[in-house]
Amino acid sequence: MNFEHMGIRWGYAFLRTTSHAPGLEDLLVQAVEMYLMGEEERNVKTSNYEGKLYTQRRHEILGGFGGQRFDAELETTQGRDSATFLVNEQTGAGSGFSRN
């Protein structure tokens, strides 16, 4: 499938976590990259955390928005932590939750 509209792929992504570890926005970028490339798992490592980012290709809803769920299991400088990301593409049939 082609998810381009006028040559551009676009959508939105949400991060849900209680973590205060710096640099989690990088994980959000990696979740979007994984979505676009069809990857299911990545090992992640920075000076603030290391762990695994993965998806089981499930879709979930957060408020009025939905998307493919990605989870991160991390060891941070402050202990074990986790984060959840929702990624939704709006340029095609990427999700049945919201179509513009």
PDB file of N, CA and C in Angstrom:
ATOM      1  N   MET A   1       0.820  -1.179   0.000  1.00  0.00           N
ATOM      2  CA  MET A   1       0.000   0.000   0.000  1.00  0.00           C
ATOM      3  C   MET A   1       0.868   1.248   0.000  1.00  0.00           C
ATOM      4  N   ASN A   2       0.364   2.261  -0.629  1.00  0.00           N
ATOM      5  CA  ASN A   2       1.062   3.540  -0.665  1.00  0.00           C
ATOM      6  C   ASN A   2       0.355   4.500   0.277  1.00  0.00           C
ATOM      7  N   PHE A   3       1.060   5.023   1.275  1.00  0.00           N
ATOM      8  CA  PHE A   3       0.478   5.929   2.251  1.00  0.00           C
ATOM      9  C   PHE A   3       0.898   7.368   2.002  1.00  0.00           C
ATOM     10  N   GLU A   4       1.086   7.748   0.755  1.00  0.00           N
ATOM     11  CA  GLU A   4       1.512   9.106   0.446  1.00  0.00           C
ATOM     12  C   GLU A   4       0.336   9.937  -0.052  1.00  0.00           C
ATOM     13  N   HIS A   5       0.352  11.187   0.292  1.00  0.00           N
ATOM     14  CA  HIS A   5      -0.608  12.156  -0.224  1.00  0.00           C
ATOM     15  C   HIS A   5       0.203  13.341  -0.688  1.00  0.00           C
ATOM     16  N   MET A   6       0.192  13.598  -1.985  1.00  0.00           N
ATOM     17  CA  MET A   6       0.991  14.679  -2.563  1.00  0.00           C
ATOM     18  C   MET A   6       2.466  14.511  -2.200  1.00  0.00           C
ATOM     19  N   GLY A   7       2.938  13.269  -2.139  1.00  0.00           N
ATOM     20  CA  GLY A   7       4.346  12.995  -1.866  1.00  0.00           C
ATOM     21  C   GLY A   7       4.738  13.044  -0.407  1.00  0.00           C
ATOM     22  N   ILE A   8       3.763  13.214   0.498  1.00  0.00           N
ATOM     23  CA  ILE A   8       4.074  13.364   1.918  1.00  0.00           C
ATOM     24  C   ILE A   8       3.315  12.323   2.733  1.00  0.00           C
ATOM     25  N   ARG A   9       4.012  11.672   3.669  1.00  0.00           N
ATOM     26  CA  ARG A   9       3.381  10.783   4.643  1.00  0.00           C
ATOM     27  C   ARG A   9       3.240  11.565   5.938  1.00  0.00           C
ATOM     28  N   TRP A  10       2.082  11.507   6.549  1.00  0.00           N
ATOM     29  CA  TRP A  10       1.914  12.246   7.794  1.00  0.00           C
ATOM     30  C   TRP A  10       0.957  11.515   8.723  1.00  0.00           C
ATOM     31  N   GLY A  11       1.028  11.874   9.975  1.00  0.00           N
ATOM     32  CA  GLY A  11       0.177  11.278  10.987  1.00  0.00           C
ATOM     33  C   GLY A  11       0.472  11.925  12.318  1.00  0.00           C
ATOM     34  N   TYR A  12       0.246  11.187  13.402  1.00  0.00           N
ATOM     35  CA  TYR A  12       0.540  11.704  14.722  1.00  0.00           C
ATOM     36  C   TYR A  12       1.023  10.572  15.611  1.00  0.00           C
ATOM     37  N   ALA A  13       1.701  10.947  16.690  1.00  0.00           N
ATOM     38  CA  ALA A  13       2.216   9.966  17.650  1.00  0.00           C
ATOM     39  C   ALA A  13       2.065  10.540  19.047  1.00  0.00           C
ATOM     40  N   PHE A  14       1.747   9.657  20.002  1.00  0.00           N
ATOM     41  CA  PHE A  14       1.584  10.036  21.396  1.00  0.00           C
ATOM     42  C   PHE A  14       2.490   9.193  22.270  1.00  0.00           C
ATOM     43  N   LEU A  15       2.991   9.789  23.322  1.00  0.00           N
ATOM     44  CA  LEU A  15       3.811   9.110  24.318  1.00  0.00           C
ATOM     45  C   LEU A  15       3.048   9.097  25.629  1.00  0.00           C
ATOM     46  N   ARG A  16       2.960   7.898  26.270  1.00  0.00           N
ATOM     47  CA  ARG A  16       2.353   7.778  27.592  1.00  0.00           C
ATOM     48  C   ARG A  16       3.367   7.088  28.497  1.00  0.00           C
ATOM     49  N   THR A  17       3.792   7.819  29.550  1.00  0.00           N
ATOM     50  CA  THR A  17       4.778   7.272  30.475  1.00  0.00           C
ATOM     51  C   THR A  17       4.748   8.037  31.792  1.00  0.00           C
ATOM     52  N   THR A  18       5.242   7.416  32.831  1.00  0.00           N
ATOM     53  CA  THR A  18       5.454   8.114  34.100  1.00  0.00           C
ATOM     54  C   THR A  18       6.940   8.401  34.288  1.00  0.00           C
ATOM     55  N   SER A  19       7.737   8.046  33.308  1.00  0.00           N
ATOM     56  CA  SER A  19       9.186   8.201  33.397  1.00  0.00           C
ATOM     57  C   SER A  19       9.596   9.664  33.355  1.00  0.00           C
ATOM     58  N   HIS A  20      10.666   9.965  34.047  1.00  0.00           N
ATOM     59  CA  HIS A  20      11.262  11.288  33.981  1.00  0.00           C
ATOM     60  C   HIS A  20      12.640  11.218  33.324  1.00  0.00           C
ATOM     61  N   ALA A  21      12.938  10.097  32.690  1.00  0.00           N
ATOM     62  CA  ALA A  21      14.240   9.937  32.028  1.00  0.00           C
ATOM     63  C   ALA A  21      14.326  10.894  30.844  1.00  0.00           C
ATOM     64  N   PRO A  22      15.410  11.645  30.749  1.00  0.00           N
ATOM     65  CA  PRO A  22      15.570  12.539  29.598  1.00  0.00           C
ATOM     66  C   PRO A  22      15.786  11.749  28.316  1.00  0.00           C
ATOM     67  N   GLY A  23      15.370  12.337  27.202  1.00  0.00           N
ATOM     68  CA  GLY A  23      15.630  11.726  25.903  1.00  0.00           C
ATOM     69  C   GLY A  23      14.549  10.799  25.397  1.00  0.00           C
ATOM     70  N   LEU A  24      13.393  10.738  26.049  1.00  0.00           N
ATOM     71  CA  LEU A  24      12.340   9.835  25.578  1.00  0.00           C
ATOM     72  C   LEU A  24      11.736  10.281  24.253  1.00  0.00           C
ATOM     73  N   GLU A  25      11.898  11.552  23.902  1.00  0.00           N
ATOM     74  CA  GLU A  25      11.408  11.993  22.601  1.00  0.00           C
ATOM     75  C   GLU A  25      12.132  11.259  21.475  1.00  0.00           C
ATOM     76  N   ASP A  26      13.370  10.831  21.713  1.00  0.00           N
ATOM     77  CA  ASP A  26      14.096  10.024  20.726  1.00  0.00           C
ATOM     78  C   ASP A  26      13.406   8.677  20.524  1.00  0.00           C
ATOM     79  N   LEU A  27      12.865   8.116  21.592  1.00  0.00           N
ATOM     80  CA  LEU A  27      12.126   6.857  21.463  1.00  0.00           C
ATOM     81  C   LEU A  27      10.868   7.044  20.632  1.00  0.00           C
ATOM     82  N   LEU A  28      10.220   8.187  20.775  1.00  0.00           N
ATOM     83  CA  LEU A  28       9.036   8.479  19.980  1.00  0.00           C
ATOM     84  C   LEU A  28       9.397   8.521  18.496  1.00  0.00           C
ATOM     85  N   VAL A  29      10.498   9.163  18.171  1.00  0.00           N
ATOM     86  CA  VAL A  29      10.972   9.211  16.782  1.00  0.00           C
ATOM     87  C   VAL A  29      11.264   7.798  16.288  1.00  0.00           C
ATOM     88  N   GLN A  30      11.908   6.974  17.118  1.00  0.00           N
ATOM     89  CA  GLN A  30      12.226   5.611  16.710  1.00  0.00           C
ATOM     90  C   GLN A  30      10.955   4.768  16.511  1.00  0.00           C
ATOM     91  N   ALA A  31       9.917   4.991  17.340  1.00  0.00           N
ATOM     92  CA  ALA A  31       8.655   4.272  17.161  1.00  0.00           C
ATOM     93  C   ALA A  31       8.033   4.621  15.811  1.00  0.00           C
ATOM     94  N   VAL A  32       8.078   5.897  15.440  1.00  0.00           N
ATOM     95  CA  VAL A  32       7.546   6.310  14.140  1.00  0.00           C
ATOM     96  C   VAL A  32       8.360   5.684  13.011  1.00  0.00           C
ATOM     97  N   GLU A  33       9.684   5.683  13.136  1.00  0.00           N
ATOM     98  CA  GLU A  33      10.533   5.037  12.130  1.00  0.00           C
ATOM     99  C   GLU A  33      10.192   3.556  12.001  1.00  0.00           C
ATOM    100  N   MET A  34      10.006   2.889  13.133  1.00  0.00           N
ATOM    101  CA  MET A  34       9.662   1.462  13.107  1.00  0.00           C
ATOM    102  C   MET A  34       8.332   1.249  12.400  1.00  0.00           C
ATOM    103  N   TYR A  35       7.354   2.108  12.667  1.00  0.00           N
ATOM    104  CA  TYR A  35       6.062   2.024  11.997  1.00  0.00           C
ATOM    105  C   TYR A  35       6.240   2.145  10.484  1.00  0.00           C
ATOM    106  N   LEU A  36       6.973   3.173  10.064  1.00  0.00           N
ATOM    107  CA  LEU A  36       7.158   3.424   8.634  1.00  0.00           C
ATOM    108  C   LEU A  36       7.922   2.309   7.934  1.00  0.00           C
ATOM    109  N   MET A  37       8.848   1.657   8.660  1.00  0.00           N
ATOM    110  CA  MET A  37       9.666   0.596   8.065  1.00  0.00           C
ATOM    111  C   MET A  37       9.092  -0.797   8.301  1.00  0.00           C
ATOM    112  N   GLY A  38       8.014  -0.900   9.089  1.00  0.00           N
ATOM    113  CA  GLY A  38       7.405  -2.192   9.353  1.00  0.00           C
ATOM    114  C   GLY A  38       8.198  -3.056  10.318  1.00  0.00           C
ATOM    115  N   GLU A  39       9.041  -2.439  11.147  1.00  0.00           N
ATOM    116  CA  GLU A  39       9.853  -3.190  12.115  1.00  0.00           C
ATOM    117  C   GLU A  39       9.023  -3.566  13.333  1.00  0.00           C
ATOM    118  N   GLU A  40       9.369  -4.678  13.957  1.00  0.00           N
ATOM    119  CA  GLU A  40       8.657  -5.122  15.156  1.00  0.00           C
ATOM    120  C   GLU A  40       9.452  -4.925  16.440  1.00  0.00           C
ATOM    121  N   GLU A  41      10.781  -4.798  16.357  1.00  0.00           N
ATOM    122  CA  GLU A  41      11.579  -4.665  17.575  1.00  0.00           C
ATOM    123  C   GLU A  41      12.902  -3.970  17.287  1.00  0.00           C
ATOM    124  N   ARG A  42      13.348  -3.156  18.262  1.00  0.00           N
ATOM    125  CA  ARG A  42      14.649  -2.492  18.198  1.00  0.00           C
ATOM    126  C   ARG A  42      15.249  -2.451  19.588  1.00  0.00           C
ATOM    127  N   ASN A  43      16.541  -2.645  19.666  1.00  0.00           N
ATOM    128  CA  ASN A  43      17.269  -2.381  20.904  1.00  0.00           C
ATOM    129  C   ASN A  43      17.629  -0.907  20.901  1.00  0.00           C
ATOM    130  N   VAL A  44      17.487  -0.270  22.058  1.00  0.00           N
ATOM    131  CA  VAL A  44      17.748   1.166  22.169  1.00  0.00           C
ATOM    132  C   VAL A  44      18.736   1.402  23.302  1.00  0.00           C
ATOM    133  N   LYS A  45      19.593   2.414  23.111  1.00  0.00           N
ATOM    134  CA  LYS A  45      20.580   2.712  24.151  1.00  0.00           C
ATOM    135  C   LYS A  45      21.034   4.155  24.011  1.00  0.00           C
ATOM    136  N   THR A  46      20.986   4.880  25.137  1.00  0.00           N
ATOM    137  CA  THR A  46      21.546   6.223  25.237  1.00  0.00           C
ATOM    138  C   THR A  46      22.309   6.299  26.554  1.00  0.00           C
ATOM    139  N   SER A  47      22.812   7.459  26.875  1.00  0.00           N
ATOM    140  CA  SER A  47      23.499   7.612  28.160  1.00  0.00           C
ATOM    141  C   SER A  47      22.513   7.608  29.332  1.00  0.00           C
ATOM    142  N   ASN A  48      21.203   7.783  29.062  1.00  0.00           N
ATOM    143  CA  ASN A  48      20.191   7.839  30.115  1.00  0.00           C
ATOM    144  C   ASN A  48      19.387   6.548  30.286  1.00  0.00           C
ATOM    145  N   TYR A  49      19.369   5.700  29.275  1.00  0.00           N
ATOM    146  CA  TYR A  49      18.592   4.457  29.342  1.00  0.00           C
ATOM    147  C   TYR A  49      19.066   3.467  28.289  1.00  0.00           C
ATOM    148  N   GLU A  50      18.681   2.213  28.495  1.00  0.00           N
ATOM    149  CA  GLU A  50      18.839   1.198  27.457  1.00  0.00           C
ATOM    150  C   GLU A  50      17.731   0.177  27.634  1.00  0.00           C
ATOM    151  N   GLY A  51      17.389  -0.480  26.535  1.00  0.00           N
ATOM    152  CA  GLY A  51      16.314  -1.455  26.614  1.00  0.00           C
ATOM    153  C   GLY A  51      15.821  -1.868  25.241  1.00  0.00           C
ATOM    154  N   LYS A  52      14.515  -2.113  25.187  1.00  0.00           N
ATOM    155  CA  LYS A  52      13.907  -2.659  23.979  1.00  0.00           C
ATOM    156  C   LYS A  52      12.648  -1.857  23.651  1.00  0.00           C
ATOM    157  N   LEU A  53      12.482  -1.533  22.364  1.00  0.00           N
ATOM    158  CA  LEU A  53      11.288  -0.895  21.834  1.00  0.00           C
ATOM    159  C   LEU A  53      10.657  -1.902  20.888  1.00  0.00           C
ATOM    160  N   TYR A  54       9.366  -2.193  21.073  1.00  0.00           N
ATOM    161  CA  TYR A  54       8.742  -3.249  20.268  1.00  0.00           C
ATOM    162  C   TYR A  54       7.258  -2.984  20.054  1.00  0.00           C
ATOM    163  N   THR A  55       6.682  -3.691  19.094  1.00  0.00           N
ATOM    164  CA  THR A  55       5.252  -3.648  18.826  1.00  0.00           C
ATOM    165  C   THR A  55       4.747  -5.058  18.563  1.00  0.00           C
ATOM    166  N   GLN A  56       3.498  -5.277  18.929  1.00  0.00           N
ATOM    167  CA  GLN A  56       2.814  -6.525  18.577  1.00  0.00           C
ATOM    168  C   GLN A  56       1.750  -6.238  17.521  1.00  0.00           C
ATOM    169  N   ARG A  57       1.859  -5.050  16.903  1.00  0.00           N
ATOM    170  CA  ARG A  57       0.958  -4.581  15.845  1.00  0.00           C
ATOM    171  C   ARG A  57      -0.501  -4.483  16.294  1.00  0.00           C
ATOM    172  N   ARG A  58      -0.692  -4.236  17.602  1.00  0.00           N
ATOM    173  CA  ARG A  58      -2.042  -3.995  18.129  1.00  0.00           C
ATOM    174  C   ARG A  58      -2.357  -2.516  17.988  1.00  0.00           C
ATOM    175  N   HIS A  59      -3.638  -2.229  17.889  1.00  0.00           N
ATOM    176  CA  HIS A  59      -4.092  -0.842  17.859  1.00  0.00           C
ATOM    177  C   HIS A  59      -4.871  -0.552  19.131  1.00  0.00           C
ATOM    178  N   GLU A  60      -4.673   0.658  19.673  1.00  0.00           N
ATOM    179  CA  GLU A  60      -5.360   1.076  20.886  1.00  0.00           C
ATOM    180  C   GLU A  60      -5.868   2.494  20.724  1.00  0.00           C
ATOM    181  N   ILE A  61      -6.737   2.898  21.649  1.00  0.00           N
ATOM    182  CA  ILE A  61      -7.299   4.242  21.645  1.00  0.00           C
ATOM    183  C   ILE A  61      -6.855   4.969  22.904  1.00  0.00           C
ATOM    184  N   LEU A  62      -6.452   6.226  22.748  1.00  0.00           N
ATOM    185  CA  LEU A  62      -6.092   7.111  23.850  1.00  0.00           C
ATOM    186  C   LEU A  62      -6.969   8.351  23.691  1.00  0.00           C
ATOM    187  N   GLY A  63      -7.971   8.475  24.550  1.00  0.00           N
ATOM    188  CA  GLY A  63      -8.934   9.568  24.378  1.00  0.00           C
ATOM    189  C   GLY A  63      -9.688   9.374  23.076  1.00  0.00           C
ATOM    190  N   GLY A  64      -9.655  10.352  22.205  1.00  0.00           N
ATOM    191  CA  GLY A  64     -10.317  10.261  20.908  1.00  0.00           C
ATOM    192  C   GLY A  64      -9.395   9.873  19.774  1.00  0.00           C
ATOM    193  N   PHE A  65      -8.157   9.473  20.090  1.00  0.00           N
ATOM    194  CA  PHE A  65      -7.181   9.139  19.065  1.00  0.00           C
ATOM    195  C   PHE A  65      -6.772   7.681  19.196  1.00  0.00           C
ATOM    196  N   GLY A  66      -6.483   7.069  18.080  1.00  0.00           N
ATOM    197  CA  GLY A  66      -6.031   5.687  18.105  1.00  0.00           C
ATOM    198  C   GLY A  66      -4.811   5.506  17.238  1.00  0.00           C
ATOM    199  N   GLY A  67      -4.157   4.357  17.395  1.00  0.00           N
ATOM    200  CA  GLY A  67      -3.000   4.065  16.568  1.00  0.00           C
ATOM    201  C   GLY A  67      -2.347   2.768  16.966  1.00  0.00           C
ATOM    202  N   GLN A  68      -1.321   2.409  16.206  1.00  0.00           N
ATOM    203  CA  GLN A  68      -0.559   1.198  16.504  1.00  0.00           C
ATOM    204  C   GLN A  68       0.245   1.433  17.779  1.00  0.00           C
ATOM    205  N   ARG A  69       0.204   0.462  18.691  1.00  0.00           N
ATOM    206  CA  ARG A  69       0.891   0.604  19.980  1.00  0.00           C
ATOM    207  C   ARG A  69       2.320   0.084  19.891  1.00  0.00           C
ATOM    208  N   PHE A  70       3.238   0.870  20.461  1.00  0.00           N
ATOM    209  CA  PHE A  70       4.635   0.487  20.625  1.00  0.00           C
ATOM    210  C   PHE A  70       4.947   0.589  22.113  1.00  0.00           C
ATOM    211  N   ASP A  71       5.715  -0.354  22.643  1.00  0.00           N
ATOM    212  CA  ASP A  71       6.092  -0.365  24.053  1.00  0.00           C
ATOM    213  C   ASP A  71       7.602  -0.329  24.178  1.00  0.00           C
ATOM    214  N   ALA A  72       8.070   0.321  25.238  1.00  0.00           N
ATOM    215  CA  ALA A  72       9.491   0.358  25.559  1.00  0.00           C
ATOM    216  C   ALA A  72       9.680  -0.156  26.978  1.00  0.00           C
ATOM    217  N   GLU A  73      10.587  -1.098  27.137  1.00  0.00           N
ATOM    218  CA  GLU A  73      11.010  -1.582  28.451  1.00  0.00           C
ATOM    219  C   GLU A  73      12.439  -1.093  28.633  1.00  0.00           C
ATOM    220  N   LEU A  74      12.649  -0.291  29.676  1.00  0.00           N
ATOM    221  CA  LEU A  74      13.914   0.418  29.819  1.00  0.00           C
ATOM    222  C   LEU A  74      14.551   0.220  31.181  1.00  0.00           C
ATOM    223  N   GLU A  75      15.866   0.238  31.184  1.00  0.00           N
ATOM    224  CA  GLU A  75      16.664   0.397  32.398  1.00  0.00           C
ATOM    225  C   GLU A  75      17.206   1.808  32.317  1.00  0.00           C
ATOM    226  N   THR A  76      16.824   2.656  33.266  1.00  0.00           N
ATOM    227  CA  THR A  76      17.253   4.053  33.242  1.00  0.00           C
ATOM    228  C   THR A  76      18.260   4.297  34.356  1.00  0.00           C
ATOM    229  N   THR A  77      18.790   5.493  34.387  1.00  0.00           N
ATOM    230  CA  THR A  77      19.703   5.871  35.462  1.00  0.00           C
ATOM    231  C   THR A  77      18.969   5.916  36.796  1.00  0.00           C
ATOM    232  N   GLN A  78      17.633   5.908  36.758  1.00  0.00           N
ATOM    233  CA  GLN A  78      16.813   5.941  37.970  1.00  0.00           C
ATOM    234  C   GLN A  78      16.096   4.617  38.231  1.00  0.00           C
ATOM    235  N   GLY A  79      16.427   3.552  37.499  1.00  0.00           N
ATOM    236  CA  GLY A  79      15.801   2.246  37.687  1.00  0.00           C
ATOM    237  C   GLY A  79      15.005   1.796  36.474  1.00  0.00           C
ATOM    238  N   ARG A  80      14.276   0.707  36.653  1.00  0.00           N
ATOM    239  CA  ARG A  80      13.480   0.114  35.575  1.00  0.00           C
ATOM    240  C   ARG A  80      12.266   0.989  35.274  1.00  0.00           C
ATOM    241  N   ASP A  81      11.945   1.143  33.977  1.00  0.00           N
ATOM    242  CA  ASP A  81      10.827   1.987  33.579  1.00  0.00           C
ATOM    243  C   ASP A  81      10.231   1.485  32.271  1.00  0.00           C
ATOM    244  N   SER A  82       9.096   2.074  31.889  1.00  0.00           N
ATOM    245  CA  SER A  82       8.447   1.687  30.630  1.00  0.00           C
ATOM    246  C   SER A  82       7.767   2.897  30.024  1.00  0.00           C
ATOM    247  N   ALA A  83       7.437   2.768  28.748  1.00  0.00           N
ATOM    248  CA  ALA A  83       6.723   3.821  28.026  1.00  0.00           C
ATOM    249  C   ALA A  83       5.883   3.160  26.948  1.00  0.00           C
ATOM    250  N   THR A  84       4.795   3.818  26.574  1.00  0.00           N
ATOM    251  CA  THR A  84       3.916   3.340  25.517  1.00  0.00           C
ATOM    252  C   THR A  84       3.723   4.469  24.502  1.00  0.00           C
ATOM    253  N   PHE A  85       3.735   4.120  23.232  1.00  0.00           N
ATOM    254  CA  PHE A  85       3.575   5.077  22.151  1.00  0.00           C
ATOM    255  C   PHE A  85       2.438   4.626  21.259  1.00  0.00           C
ATOM    256  N   LEU A  86       1.651   5.570  20.768  1.00  0.00           N
ATOM    257  CA  LEU A  86       0.655   5.290  19.742  1.00  0.00           C
ATOM    258  C   LEU A  86       1.062   6.051  18.496  1.00  0.00           C
ATOM    259  N   VAL A  87       1.094   5.354  17.361  1.00  0.00           N
ATOM    260  CA  VAL A  87       1.471   5.957  16.091  1.00  0.00           C
ATOM    261  C   VAL A  87       0.318   5.737  15.124  1.00  0.00           C
ATOM    262  N   ASN A  88      -0.153   6.827  14.503  1.00  0.00           N
ATOM    263  CA  ASN A  88      -1.260   6.739  13.565  1.00  0.00           C
ATOM    264  C   ASN A  88      -0.913   7.518  12.311  1.00  0.00           C
ATOM    265  N   GLU A  89      -1.101   6.891  11.183  1.00  0.00           N
ATOM    266  CA  GLU A  89      -0.844   7.531   9.902  1.00  0.00           C
ATOM    267  C   GLU A  89      -2.158   8.004   9.312  1.00  0.00           C
ATOM    268  N   GLN A  90      -2.194   9.229   8.817  1.00  0.00           N
ATOM    269  CA  GLN A  90      -3.417   9.830   8.291  1.00  0.00           C
ATOM    270  C   GLN A  90      -3.445   9.910   6.776  1.00  0.00           C
ATOM    271  N   THR A  91      -2.451   9.398   6.083  1.00  0.00           N
ATOM    272  CA  THR A  91      -2.379   9.576   4.633  1.00  0.00           C
ATOM    273  C   THR A  91      -2.894   8.380   3.858  1.00  0.00           C
ATOM    274  N   GLY A  92      -3.508   7.422   4.528  1.00  0.00           N
ATOM    275  CA  GLY A  92      -4.011   6.268   3.798  1.00  0.00           C
ATOM    276  C   GLY A  92      -4.771   5.359   4.714  1.00  0.00           C
ATOM    277  N   ALA A  93      -4.704   4.080   4.450  1.00  0.00           N
ATOM    278  CA  ALA A  93      -5.469   3.095   5.202  1.00  0.00           C
ATOM    279  C   ALA A  93      -4.665   2.549   6.371  1.00  0.00           C
ATOM    280  N   GLY A  94      -3.821   3.366   6.993  1.00  0.00           N
ATOM    281  CA  GLY A  94      -2.983   2.914   8.093  1.00  0.00           C
ATOM    282  C   GLY A  94      -3.735   2.576   9.347  1.00  0.00           C
ATOM    283  N   SER A  95      -4.911   3.153   9.559  1.00  0.00           N
ATOM    284  CA  SER A  95      -5.670   2.892  10.776  1.00  0.00           C
ATOM    285  C   SER A  95      -7.150   3.058  10.506  1.00  0.00           C
ATOM    286  N   GLY A  96      -7.934   2.258  11.171  1.00  0.00           N
ATOM    287  CA  GLY A  96      -9.365   2.380  11.046  1.00  0.00           C
ATOM    288  C   GLY A  96      -9.969   3.339  12.050  1.00  0.00           C
ATOM    289  N   PHE A  97      -9.163   3.976  12.887  1.00  0.00           N
ATOM    290  CA  PHE A  97      -9.691   4.820  13.940  1.00  0.00           C
ATOM    291  C   PHE A  97     -10.027   6.233  13.482  1.00  0.00           C
ATOM    292  N   SER A  98      -9.237   6.832  12.650  1.00  0.00           N
ATOM    293  CA  SER A  98      -9.470   8.218  12.257  1.00  0.00           C
ATOM    294  C   SER A  98      -8.997   8.431  10.839  1.00  0.00           C
ATOM    295  N   ARG A  99      -9.903   8.883  10.018  1.00  0.00           N
ATOM    296  CA  ARG A  99      -9.548   9.176   8.621  1.00  0.00           C
ATOM    297  C   ARG A  99      -9.979  10.597   8.294  1.00  0.00           C
ATOM    298  N   ASN A 100      -9.045  11.390   7.830  1.00  0.00           N
ATOM    299  CA  ASN A 100      -9.377  12.774   7.472  1.00  0.00           C
ATOM    300  C   ASN A 100      -9.661  12.875   6.007  1.00  0.00           C
TER     301      ASN A 100
END
